[in-house]
């Protein structure tokens, strides 16, 4: 029998809340005030983006580029997790606590500014180093913050990175390598990411409208979300199961049949030892792009005999990329512990006949009757066919 893995209260920051309680309230009410019209650099076009407008505190000065935005986001979330980490340190010591960090882009924030300076003066800034673009650096930052000596690494499975980090962290515990792991993800909306999604014609100039026939694409967002995974019970919530698949259909587009996401969900159910009717709520990947929504709808139909209550929370948070899987797991954590409802699905209600199984009555309206879920599934389906499904809740 596999060792149980418990998830601490989540620590997070995003445009919809500077802590877990604020985020959960926004998800229950459908509060989208965090979405701000933002100009795409180099154009006169504006798009809704989920930006954190509160001041983020500075971090330790001695770490390279520590006061860039990505590290200030990470640090703001980790400050909330510090009491749990300190307690774990007193139990396990520095060697048995690891770090699994998920992100899509943690280096372009500094590299773009440095290259602009190079083009202007034929020289990079004196403090610029390619080290900042290392994917390993954020994990090192987290480990250094808490003086940890266990395994510390970054996972980059595109928009599934935060969920992948949680899955890998659980494996470190179940293998006996670690007793506890800081796991989650963070991303900002850098000009590189913003321009890249624009080039893919994937971003919407209006508010995200997932699974609607009128959807136009995603709204980007920034955020950070972390759990302390623990072999001993540090909260009522357990990571019951996790599954992943790789359909490798295309660099950016999902497979058209939904088979890859379906296999991830089925693997998570098998890992948890649960049947499909044990799932009380599904936090959908729900990006609002035509191909992703259709693939996820097909996958849900393949997995569930009867669709459980479901919603996408990306209209509230924006698509936070590498943080999304961990942020949405945090929302599920709140739904199970608070027993006050499941997140509302923000959309215009125009049914898409090409999304089988989502014709009516599935999406949460905030009053769906599923006010006290015990078991939730969180889906993250990413570029390159990287699919992860997490199941968390109370036994």
Foldseek 3Di string as FASTA:
>chain_A
DFFWKAWAQKFKCFLQDNGLVSNLVCQLVVDAVQFDWDDQPPDRATATARERPDDQDFDDPVAQVCRQPQNSQVVSRVVVVVVVVVVVCVVFNQAQEEEEEEDAFQAVSQVVVQVVVCVVPVHGPPSDDCVRRDQQRVQVVVCVVSVHDYYTGYDYPKLCRQVVQVVVQSVCCRVPSHQKYKGFYWDACDSVNSVVCVVVQAGDRDQAAFQAPPFRHFHAITMIMIIIIGSDHNDQKIQLFKFKFFPLPAQFFADQQLPRQLRRVVRRCVSNVHAQVLAQEEAEQGGRGPRRRLSRLNSQVVRDPAAHAYAHCCSRRTSNIRRNQRSVVSSVVCQQVVLAFHGAHDHPPHHDPSRPNVRDLRYHHSPSVSSHRFKYKYWTAGGSRITMIIIMGHD
